[in-house]
Amino acid sequence: MADSPNCDLKSLTPLQLFERVTEQGEKVRALKAGKAPKDEIDAAVRMLLSLKLSYKTTTGQDYQAGLPPKDLVLINNGTTKEEDEDLVDPWNVQTSNAKGVDYDKLIVRFGSSKIDTDLINRIERATGQKPHHFLRRGIFFSHRDMDQVLDAYENKKPFYLYTGRGPSSQAMHVGHLIPFLFTKWLQEVFDVPLVIQLTDDEKYLWKDMTIEKAYEYARENAKDIIACGFDINKTFIFSDLDYLGTSAGFYRNIVKVQKHVTFNQVKGIFGFTDSDCIGKISFPAIQAAPSFSSSFPQIFNGKDNIQCLIPCAIDQDPYFRMTRDVAPRIGQPKPALLHSVFFPALQGAQTKMSASDPNSSIFLTDTPKQIKTKINKHAFSGGRDTIEEHRKYGGNCDVDVSFMYLTFFLEDDDRLEQLKQAYTSGELLTGELKKVLIETMQPLVAAHQERRKQVTDEIVKQFMTPRKLAFEF
């Protein structure tokens, strides 16, 4: 006899339907693996197809394992095969397109909103400052509820910033700087508190390293973060391995999130399997907790209604789609987000940089000679095969990694446009463009190294000590 739904499918929310489809899919696999009778398997398959049809009717989306409904917003866009070519999750970024991930499609798939000219102009009016070049150039390209943050700011209501770093290696690379450089700008123009989470617990759970090594990396990475120039009076940096044991508010929020997220949900969102350790399964609640001001009673005086804004790369969005779903159910405001594009590997935009591959990245510890060698040897070129062809047809800035890097780190808009025109026309050769990048990156990395030398263990300790910041709440 076929299974029947235990309630009217029309009464289920998109997320509940997603969970039902996931559960039924697992049941079908278990029946097949257990070589159940054919009529029992057929009945389970019919139920699965019925649930998938209900899911598509309700959400306008085909069911996809690992992709829950987009922030529970109903949209009328099915997922196409072309969209599936881009793999984006918190641990992997892959695309077959040399131009990189199609971010317009990713916005549709994730259900976020494009940062358009109107929003950028509104930020400029609110702050009285020229928008950061990351905004002007679409490096931060997507958001969730940034308009609500601006509403609050314009009405003199407080908010705070939260971003983070997973310390997987002792040395960070230049791609890791992107969220911190932008967060520093946001902190300065809005004059708000900032909390920075170092997820050393996550890296211990995911990587082949000792817990002591993960903690050591966290403190070393904190030095690079501090070297970006954050104000010690307005910034709290914390290691999960440290802070979780000292803050009752932080742990209570973790438990609240854990209670309201099912095992099927985290399997669906993050792709966990029955073979993953339970630490991985519970970790998303730890990354969610800093989104709530009550996790930091020493900063917010116990207030639990302060809006949070999270600047991050869009691969971290699944954590916060989950958080935004849970927040109203535990009496907390939904965090807002600003999403950045991925910083490409030297070998091309098909993947993001990797801390485990030294030749995919320019590290903050690299010497001027290493930077020059890496760019000249490994930076993927959009130039032609011969000088003659390049002069005739020009280069392709859309796939040229040197030009992509200059988009991130060359602040002069006019100079960047001149380079683009010269390279596209064939006037500028690939080697000449790489030379411009080398001359941009060498002093940038050297200046960072000088600032980092000034960051002592005592300064790190001050940043990482739970304390009141220079704000009244």
Protein backbone atom coordinates (compact mmCIF):
# COMPACT_ATOMS: atom_id res chain seq x y z
CA MET A 1 0.00 0.00 0.00
CA ALA A 2 1.34 3.43 -0.92
CA ASP A 3 2.41 5.82 1.81
CA SER A 4 0.05 8.75 2.26
CA PRO A 5 1.08 12.18 3.50
CA ASN A 6 0.41 12.64 7.19
CA CYS A 7 -0.95 16.09 6.45
CA ASP A 8 -2.22 18.11 3.52
CA LEU A 9 0.83 18.93 1.42
CA LYS A 10 -0.62 22.34 0.60
CA SER A 11 -0.34 23.29 4.26
CA LEU A 12 3.41 22.67 4.36
CA THR A 13 5.97 25.44 4.08
CA PRO A 14 8.57 25.26 1.29
CA LEU A 15 11.21 24.15 3.79
CA GLN A 16 8.93 21.46 5.22
CA LEU A 17 8.27 20.20 1.71
CA PHE A 18 11.99 20.17 1.03
CA GLU A 19 12.52 18.04 4.14
CA ARG A 20 9.73 15.65 3.13
CA VAL A 21 11.26 15.15 -0.33
CA THR A 22 14.68 14.57 1.23
CA GLU A 23 13.27 12.04 3.72
CA GLN A 24 11.34 10.18 1.00
CA GLY A 25 14.41 10.06 -1.25
CA GLU A 26 16.37 8.47 1.58
CA LYS A 27 13.57 5.97 2.11
CA VAL A 28 13.60 4.98 -1.56
CA ARG A 29 17.36 4.48 -1.47
CA ALA A 30 17.09 2.39 1.69
CA LEU A 31 14.36 0.19 0.20
CA LYS A 32 16.41 -0.39 -2.94
CA ALA A 33 19.55 -1.12 -0.95
CA GLY A 34 17.61 -3.55 1.23
CA LYS A 35 16.12 -5.25 -1.85
CA ALA A 36 12.56 -4.64 -0.64
CA PRO A 37 9.60 -6.04 -2.61
CA LYS A 38 9.06 -4.32 -5.96
CA ASP A 39 5.56 -3.07 -5.13
CA GLU A 40 6.85 -1.44 -1.94
CA ILE A 41 9.66 0.30 -3.84
CA ASP A 42 7.25 1.43 -6.58
CA ALA A 43 4.86 2.90 -4.01
CA ALA A 44 7.72 4.80 -2.35
CA VAL A 45 8.89 6.13 -5.72
CA ARG A 46 5.36 7.32 -6.56
CA MET A 47 5.22 9.15 -3.25
CA LEU A 48 8.62 10.73 -3.98
CA LEU A 49 7.45 11.96 -7.39
CA SER A 50 4.27 13.35 -5.85
CA LEU A 51 6.25 15.24 -3.21
CA LYS A 52 8.64 16.64 -5.84
CA LEU A 53 5.68 17.85 -7.89
CA SER A 54 4.17 19.56 -4.82
CA TYR A 55 7.54 21.16 -4.08
CA LYS A 56 7.84 22.56 -7.62
CA THR A 57 4.24 23.77 -7.61
CA THR A 58 4.76 25.59 -4.29
CA THR A 59 8.20 27.07 -4.92
CA GLY A 60 8.53 27.34 -8.69
CA GLN A 61 11.81 25.41 -8.33
CA ASP A 62 12.81 21.86 -9.18
CA TYR A 63 13.91 19.97 -6.10
CA GLN A 64 17.68 19.68 -5.86
CA ALA A 65 19.46 17.79 -3.10
CA GLY A 66 21.58 20.21 -1.12
CA LEU A 67 19.74 23.32 -2.33
CA PRO A 68 16.84 24.16 -0.02
CA PRO A 69 14.30 26.81 -1.04
CA LYS A 70 15.96 30.16 -1.55
CA ASP A 71 15.61 31.93 1.78
CA LEU A 72 12.00 30.65 1.75
CA VAL A 73 11.18 33.23 -0.95
CA LEU A 74 8.86 31.87 -3.64
CA ILE A 75 10.26 32.60 -7.09
CA ASN A 76 9.16 31.48 -10.51
CA ASN A 77 12.50 30.25 -11.79
CA GLY A 78 13.18 26.59 -12.33
CA THR A 79 16.79 25.51 -12.21
CA THR A 80 18.29 24.82 -15.60
CA LYS A 81 21.09 22.47 -16.53
CA GLU A 82 23.27 25.46 -17.33
CA GLU A 83 22.90 26.74 -13.77
CA ASP A 84 24.02 23.38 -12.44
CA GLU A 85 27.40 23.85 -14.11
CA ASP A 86 28.43 26.24 -11.30
CA LEU A 87 29.13 24.41 -8.03
CA VAL A 88 29.05 26.82 -5.10
CA ASP A 89 29.00 25.76 -1.47
CA PRO A 90 31.00 26.71 1.66
CA TRP A 91 33.83 24.36 0.68
CA ASN A 92 33.85 24.23 -3.12
CA VAL A 93 33.60 26.70 -5.98
CA GLN A 94 33.83 25.32 -9.51
CA THR A 95 32.63 26.47 -12.90
CA SER A 96 33.36 25.43 -16.47
CA ASN A 97 33.29 29.07 -17.61
CA ALA A 98 36.68 30.80 -17.95
CA LYS A 99 34.96 34.07 -16.98
CA GLY A 100 34.13 32.57 -13.60
CA VAL A 101 30.84 31.96 -11.81
CA ASP A 102 27.71 33.46 -13.40
CA TYR A 103 26.72 35.69 -10.49
CA ASP A 104 23.43 36.84 -12.00
CA LYS A 105 22.28 33.23 -12.09
CA LEU A 106 23.63 32.67 -8.60
CA ILE A 107 21.50 35.56 -7.32
CA VAL A 108 18.42 33.85 -8.77
CA ARG A 109 19.43 30.46 -7.42
CA PHE A 110 20.13 31.74 -3.90
CA GLY A 111 17.19 34.14 -3.88
CA SER A 112 19.23 37.20 -2.91
CA SER A 113 19.01 40.73 -4.38
CA LYS A 114 21.41 42.47 -6.75
CA ILE A 115 23.30 45.48 -5.41
CA ASP A 116 22.16 48.03 -7.97
CA THR A 117 22.98 51.67 -8.61
CA ASP A 118 20.08 52.87 -6.47
CA LEU A 119 21.37 50.97 -3.43
CA ILE A 120 24.94 52.17 -3.96
CA ASN A 121 23.70 55.76 -4.24
CA ARG A 122 21.69 55.33 -1.06
CA ILE A 123 24.77 54.08 0.80
CA GLU A 124 26.64 57.15 -0.43
CA ARG A 125 23.88 59.48 0.76
CA ALA A 126 23.65 57.76 4.15
CA THR A 127 27.39 57.82 4.84
CA GLY A 128 28.42 60.96 3.00
CA GLN A 129 31.33 58.94 1.59
CA LYS A 130 32.22 57.84 -1.93
CA PRO A 131 31.27 54.16 -2.26
CA HIS A 132 34.13 51.71 -1.89
CA HIS A 133 35.52 50.52 -5.22
CA PHE A 134 34.38 47.01 -4.29
CA LEU A 135 30.83 48.37 -4.54
CA ARG A 136 31.45 50.51 -7.62
CA ARG A 137 32.94 47.57 -9.53
CA GLY A 138 30.44 44.92 -8.48
CA ILE A 139 32.89 42.96 -6.34
CA PHE A 140 30.23 43.10 -3.62
CA PHE A 141 27.31 42.36 -5.88
CA SER A 142 24.44 40.85 -3.89
CA HIS A 143 22.65 41.50 -0.61
CA ARG A 144 19.91 40.48 1.75
CA ASP A 145 18.02 43.27 3.54
CA MET A 146 20.69 45.97 3.18
CA ASP A 147 17.80 48.39 2.68
CA GLN A 148 16.56 47.52 6.19
CA VAL A 149 20.02 48.23 7.63
CA LEU A 150 19.99 51.64 5.94
CA ASP A 151 16.46 52.29 7.24
CA ALA A 152 17.72 51.62 10.76
CA TYR A 153 20.84 53.74 10.31
CA GLU A 154 18.87 56.67 8.91
CA ASN A 155 16.54 56.44 11.90
CA LYS A 156 19.48 56.49 14.35
CA LYS A 157 19.02 52.84 15.28
CA PRO A 158 22.18 50.80 15.90
CA PHE A 159 23.52 47.83 13.99
CA TYR A 160 26.77 45.89 14.07
CA LEU A 161 29.05 44.05 11.66
CA TYR A 162 29.99 40.39 11.78
CA THR A 163 32.44 38.58 9.52
CA GLY A 164 34.85 35.71 9.97
CA ARG A 165 37.74 33.58 8.89
CA GLY A 166 38.31 29.84 8.87
CA PRO A 167 42.00 29.50 9.85
CA SER A 168 43.11 26.61 7.65
CA SER A 169 46.75 27.71 7.31
CA GLN A 170 49.29 29.88 9.07
CA ALA A 171 49.57 32.31 6.16
CA MET A 172 46.58 34.00 4.56
CA HIS A 173 46.49 34.89 0.86
CA VAL A 174 45.40 38.16 -0.73
CA GLY A 175 41.95 36.77 -1.51
CA HIS A 176 41.31 36.43 2.21
CA LEU A 177 41.76 40.20 2.57
CA ILE A 178 38.70 41.08 0.48
CA PRO A 179 35.97 40.77 3.16
CA PHE A 180 38.21 42.38 5.77
CA LEU A 181 39.16 45.39 3.64
CA PHE A 182 35.51 46.00 2.86
CA THR A 183 34.39 45.39 6.45
CA LYS A 184 36.96 47.91 7.66
CA TRP A 185 35.51 50.49 5.27
CA LEU A 186 31.96 49.73 6.46
CA GLN A 187 33.03 50.06 10.08
CA GLU A 188 34.64 53.43 9.41
CA VAL A 189 31.83 55.02 7.36
CA PHE A 190 29.00 53.77 9.58
CA ASP A 191 30.94 53.90 12.90
CA VAL A 192 29.64 50.61 14.28
CA PRO A 193 30.93 47.68 16.38
CA LEU A 194 32.48 44.69 14.65
CA VAL A 195 32.82 41.06 15.73
CA ILE A 196 35.15 38.69 13.86
CA GLN A 197 34.74 34.96 14.33
CA LEU A 198 37.74 32.65 13.90
CA THR A 199 36.28 29.20 13.29
CA ASP A 200 39.21 27.13 14.53
CA ASP A 201 36.72 24.50 15.69
CA GLU A 202 35.43 24.13 12.13
CA LYS A 203 38.91 23.61 10.72
CA TYR A 204 39.69 20.98 13.34
CA LEU A 205 36.50 19.14 12.39
CA TRP A 206 37.05 19.35 8.62
CA LYS A 207 40.82 19.23 8.24
CA ASP A 208 43.51 16.75 9.16
CA MET A 209 45.03 18.87 11.94
CA THR A 210 45.26 18.83 15.70
CA ILE A 211 43.09 21.09 17.79
CA GLU A 212 46.24 22.83 19.00
CA LYS A 213 47.31 23.57 15.43
CA ALA A 214 43.86 24.96 14.56
CA TYR A 215 44.04 27.29 17.55
CA GLU A 216 47.58 28.36 16.61
CA TYR A 217 46.44 29.20 13.07
CA ALA A 218 43.58 31.26 14.50
CA ARG A 219 45.95 33.45 16.47
CA GLU A 220 48.33 33.82 13.53
CA ASN A 221 45.46 34.74 11.21
CA ALA A 222 44.27 37.26 13.80
CA LYS A 223 47.57 39.12 13.31
CA ASP A 224 46.92 39.44 9.57
CA ILE A 225 43.37 40.62 10.25
CA ILE A 226 44.52 43.20 12.80
CA ALA A 227 47.14 44.39 10.28
CA CYS A 228 44.28 45.51 8.02
CA GLY A 229 43.91 48.43 10.44
CA PHE A 230 40.87 47.67 12.58
CA ASP A 231 40.16 49.91 15.56
CA ILE A 232 40.82 47.99 18.78
CA ASN A 233 38.20 50.06 20.60
CA LYS A 234 35.48 49.02 18.15
CA THR A 235 36.47 45.45 17.24
CA PHE A 236 36.24 42.10 19.04
CA ILE A 237 38.02 39.13 17.48
CA PHE A 238 37.27 35.73 18.98
CA SER A 239 38.28 32.11 18.60
CA ASP A 240 35.39 29.67 18.89
CA LEU A 241 37.61 27.34 20.93
CA ASP A 242 38.12 30.18 23.43
CA TYR A 243 34.91 32.16 23.45
CA LEU A 244 32.35 29.37 23.49
CA GLY A 245 33.51 28.34 26.94
CA THR A 246 33.19 31.83 28.40
CA SER A 247 29.93 33.25 27.03
CA ALA A 248 26.62 31.89 28.27
CA GLY A 249 24.78 34.09 25.76
CA PHE A 250 26.76 32.68 22.86
CA TYR A 251 26.14 29.08 23.87
CA ARG A 252 22.43 29.67 24.54
CA ASN A 253 21.98 31.01 21.02
CA ILE A 254 23.80 28.00 19.61
CA VAL A 255 21.42 25.68 21.46
CA LYS A 256 18.37 27.64 20.30
CA VAL A 257 19.47 27.35 16.68
CA GLN A 258 20.26 23.66 17.12
CA LYS A 259 16.76 23.00 18.44
CA HIS A 260 15.13 24.61 15.41
CA VAL A 261 17.20 22.99 12.65
CA THR A 262 16.69 19.32 11.81
CA PHE A 263 19.27 16.79 10.72
CA ASN A 264 17.53 16.59 7.34
CA GLN A 265 17.80 20.34 6.93
CA VAL A 266 21.55 20.46 7.49
CA LYS A 267 22.00 17.45 5.23
CA GLY A 268 20.00 19.22 2.56
CA ILE A 269 21.74 22.59 2.97
CA PHE A 270 25.32 21.43 3.45
CA GLY A 271 25.40 17.98 1.89
CA PHE A 272 26.33 16.16 5.10
CA THR A 273 26.09 12.39 5.04
CA ASP A 274 25.59 9.72 7.67
CA SER A 275 29.37 9.24 7.67
CA ASP A 276 30.13 12.82 8.77
CA CYS A 277 31.05 13.36 12.40
CA ILE A 278 28.39 14.96 14.58
CA GLY A 279 30.67 17.96 15.07
CA LYS A 280 30.17 18.95 11.43
CA ILE A 281 26.43 18.54 11.71
CA SER A 282 26.21 20.82 14.74
CA PHE A 283 28.74 23.40 13.51
CA PRO A 284 26.35 25.56 11.40
CA ALA A 285 24.65 26.68 14.62
CA ILE A 286 28.01 27.98 15.87
CA GLN A 287 28.50 30.10 12.75
CA ALA A 288 24.92 31.34 13.10
CA ALA A 289 25.19 32.49 16.72
CA PRO A 290 27.30 35.66 16.16
CA SER A 291 24.39 36.97 14.03
CA PHE A 292 22.56 37.69 17.30
CA SER A 293 23.65 40.53 19.56
CA SER A 294 22.83 38.56 22.72
CA SER A 295 25.86 36.39 21.92
CA PHE A 296 27.99 39.37 23.01
CA PRO A 297 26.49 40.70 26.26
CA GLN A 298 29.70 42.53 27.11
CA ILE A 299 29.32 44.64 23.94
CA PHE A 300 25.56 45.09 23.67
CA ASN A 301 24.67 45.23 27.35
CA GLY A 302 22.46 42.16 27.04
CA LYS A 303 20.26 43.62 24.26
CA ASP A 304 19.02 40.97 21.85
CA ASN A 305 17.45 43.14 19.17
CA ILE A 306 20.45 44.81 17.50
CA GLN A 307 20.50 44.31 13.71
CA CYS A 308 23.51 42.45 12.30
CA LEU A 309 25.13 43.01 8.87
CA ILE A 310 27.42 40.29 7.52
CA PRO A 311 29.88 41.02 4.70
CA CYS A 312 31.11 37.70 3.28
CA ALA A 313 31.81 35.77 0.09
CA ILE A 314 28.63 34.30 -1.33
CA ASP A 315 29.78 30.72 -0.71
CA GLN A 316 29.03 31.35 2.98
CA ASP A 317 25.41 32.25 2.23
CA PRO A 318 23.98 28.77 2.99
CA TYR A 319 24.90 29.24 6.67
CA PHE A 320 22.96 32.47 6.82
CA ARG A 321 19.96 31.31 4.78
CA MET A 322 19.58 28.77 7.57
CA THR A 323 20.14 31.49 10.19
CA ARG A 324 17.57 33.81 8.62
CA ASP A 325 15.01 31.00 8.62
CA VAL A 326 15.60 30.25 12.31
CA ALA A 327 15.89 33.85 13.59
CA PRO A 328 12.16 34.75 13.81
CA ARG A 329 11.42 31.47 15.56
CA ILE A 330 13.85 32.27 18.37
CA GLY A 331 12.78 35.91 18.65
CA GLN A 332 15.81 37.40 16.88
CA PRO A 333 16.10 39.81 13.92
CA LYS A 334 17.27 38.27 10.67
CA PRO A 335 20.88 39.16 9.84
CA ALA A 336 21.41 41.18 6.67
CA LEU A 337 24.17 40.23 4.23
CA LEU A 338 26.47 41.72 1.63
CA HIS A 339 27.96 39.12 -0.72
CA SER A 340 31.24 39.34 -2.59
CA VAL A 341 32.36 37.51 -5.70
CA PHE A 342 35.14 34.94 -5.40
CA PHE A 343 38.76 35.90 -5.71
CA PRO A 344 40.05 33.73 -8.56
CA ALA A 345 43.01 31.40 -8.52
CA LEU A 346 46.04 32.52 -10.51
CA GLN A 347 45.36 29.67 -12.92
CA GLY A 348 41.91 31.03 -13.81
CA ALA A 349 38.47 31.96 -12.54
CA GLN A 350 37.08 28.43 -12.64
CA THR A 351 37.99 28.04 -8.96
CA LYS A 352 38.71 30.26 -5.98
CA MET A 353 42.18 30.49 -4.49
CA SER A 354 43.32 27.67 -2.22
CA ALA A 355 45.46 28.04 0.87
CA SER A 356 46.71 24.49 0.27
CA ASP A 357 48.13 25.23 -3.21
CA PRO A 358 50.95 27.80 -2.97
CA ASN A 359 50.93 28.42 -6.71
CA SER A 360 47.22 29.24 -6.84
CA SER A 361 47.67 32.21 -4.56
CA ILE A 362 49.71 35.25 -3.69
CA PHE A 363 50.28 34.82 0.03
CA LEU A 364 50.72 37.64 2.48
CA THR A 365 54.12 36.14 3.36
CA ASP A 366 55.41 36.14 -0.24
CA THR A 367 58.54 38.09 -1.11
CA PRO A 368 58.58 40.58 -4.02
CA LYS A 369 60.47 37.99 -6.06
CA GLN A 370 57.91 35.26 -5.31
CA ILE A 371 55.07 37.60 -6.28
CA LYS A 372 56.76 38.43 -9.58
CA THR A 373 57.48 34.78 -10.36
CA LYS A 374 53.95 33.61 -9.52
CA ILE A 375 52.28 36.27 -11.64
CA ASN A 376 54.58 35.83 -14.62
CA LYS A 377 54.48 32.03 -14.50
CA HIS A 378 50.97 31.18 -13.31
CA ALA A 379 48.58 34.09 -13.95
CA PHE A 380 46.13 32.94 -16.64
CA SER A 381 46.27 35.20 -19.68
CA GLY A 382 43.50 36.56 -21.86
CA GLY A 383 46.04 37.42 -24.52
CA ARG A 384 46.51 35.91 -27.96
CA ASP A 385 48.94 33.17 -28.97
CA THR A 386 51.27 35.53 -30.80
CA ILE A 387 52.14 39.21 -30.52
CA GLU A 388 50.85 39.74 -34.06
CA GLU A 389 47.46 38.23 -33.24
CA HIS A 390 47.29 40.17 -29.97
CA ARG A 391 48.01 43.47 -31.71
CA LYS A 392 45.33 42.67 -34.29
CA TYR A 393 42.55 41.20 -32.13
CA GLY A 394 43.38 42.40 -28.61
CA GLY A 395 43.17 40.64 -25.25
CA ASN A 396 40.15 39.40 -23.29
CA CYS A 397 39.84 41.14 -19.91
CA ASP A 398 36.91 38.89 -18.96
CA VAL A 399 39.19 35.89 -18.53
CA ASP A 400 42.57 37.53 -17.86
CA VAL A 401 43.52 36.94 -14.23
CA SER A 402 45.95 39.86 -14.06
CA PHE A 403 43.17 42.25 -15.03
CA MET A 404 40.80 40.57 -12.55
CA TYR A 405 43.32 41.10 -9.75
CA LEU A 406 43.76 44.75 -10.73
CA THR A 407 39.98 45.14 -10.48
CA PHE A 408 40.29 44.16 -6.83
CA PHE A 409 43.44 46.04 -5.87
CA LEU A 410 43.98 48.99 -8.23
CA GLU A 411 41.89 51.75 -6.69
CA ASP A 412 42.24 54.31 -9.51
CA ASP A 413 39.13 53.91 -11.71
CA ASP A 414 40.56 55.95 -14.59
CA ARG A 415 43.79 53.96 -14.64
CA LEU A 416 41.89 50.66 -14.60
CA GLU A 417 39.73 51.78 -17.53
CA GLN A 418 42.82 52.88 -19.48
CA LEU A 419 44.38 49.46 -18.96
CA LYS A 420 41.20 47.74 -20.07
CA GLN A 421 40.98 49.77 -23.26
CA ALA A 422 44.67 49.30 -24.05
CA TYR A 423 44.58 45.55 -23.45
CA THR A 424 41.32 45.03 -25.34
CA SER A 425 42.62 46.99 -28.33
CA GLY A 426 45.90 45.08 -28.43
CA GLU A 427 48.00 48.11 -27.57
CA LEU A 428 48.99 46.56 -24.21
CA LEU A 429 50.57 43.10 -24.21
CA THR A 430 50.02 40.40 -21.58
CA GLY A 431 53.54 40.78 -20.20
CA GLU A 432 52.99 44.52 -19.80
CA LEU A 433 49.69 43.97 -18.00
CA LYS A 434 51.36 41.46 -15.67
CA LYS A 435 54.05 44.04 -14.96
CA VAL A 436 51.37 46.52 -13.83
CA LEU A 437 49.92 43.86 -11.51
CA ILE A 438 53.35 43.01 -10.10
CA GLU A 439 54.00 46.70 -9.41
CA THR A 440 50.59 46.92 -7.69
CA MET A 441 50.87 43.78 -5.55
CA GLN A 442 54.48 44.01 -4.39
CA PRO A 443 54.08 47.26 -2.38
CA LEU A 444 50.62 46.23 -1.15
CA VAL A 445 51.89 42.95 0.31
CA ALA A 446 55.08 44.58 1.64
CA ALA A 447 53.07 47.27 3.44
CA HIS A 448 50.85 44.59 4.97
CA GLN A 449 53.92 42.69 6.16
CA GLU A 450 55.28 45.83 7.83
CA ARG A 451 51.99 46.43 9.65
CA ARG A 452 51.84 42.81 10.73
CA LYS A 453 55.31 43.05 12.30
CA GLN A 454 53.87 45.65 14.65
CA VAL A 455 51.10 43.29 15.85
CA THR A 456 52.44 41.73 19.04
CA ASP A 457 50.98 38.81 20.98
CA GLU A 458 49.82 41.34 23.57
CA ILE A 459 47.87 43.29 20.94
CA VAL A 460 46.26 40.05 19.75
CA LYS A 461 45.29 39.29 23.35
CA GLN A 462 43.68 42.73 23.72
CA PHE A 463 41.62 42.30 20.54
CA MET A 464 40.53 38.81 21.65
CA THR A 465 39.60 39.67 25.24
CA PRO A 466 35.81 39.87 25.77
CA ARG A 467 35.15 43.46 26.80
CA LYS A 468 32.99 46.53 26.35
CA LEU A 469 33.67 48.44 23.14
CA ALA A 470 33.46 52.18 22.54
CA PHE A 471 29.68 52.19 22.14
CA GLU A 472 26.72 52.60 24.47
CA PHE A 473 23.75 50.27 24.19
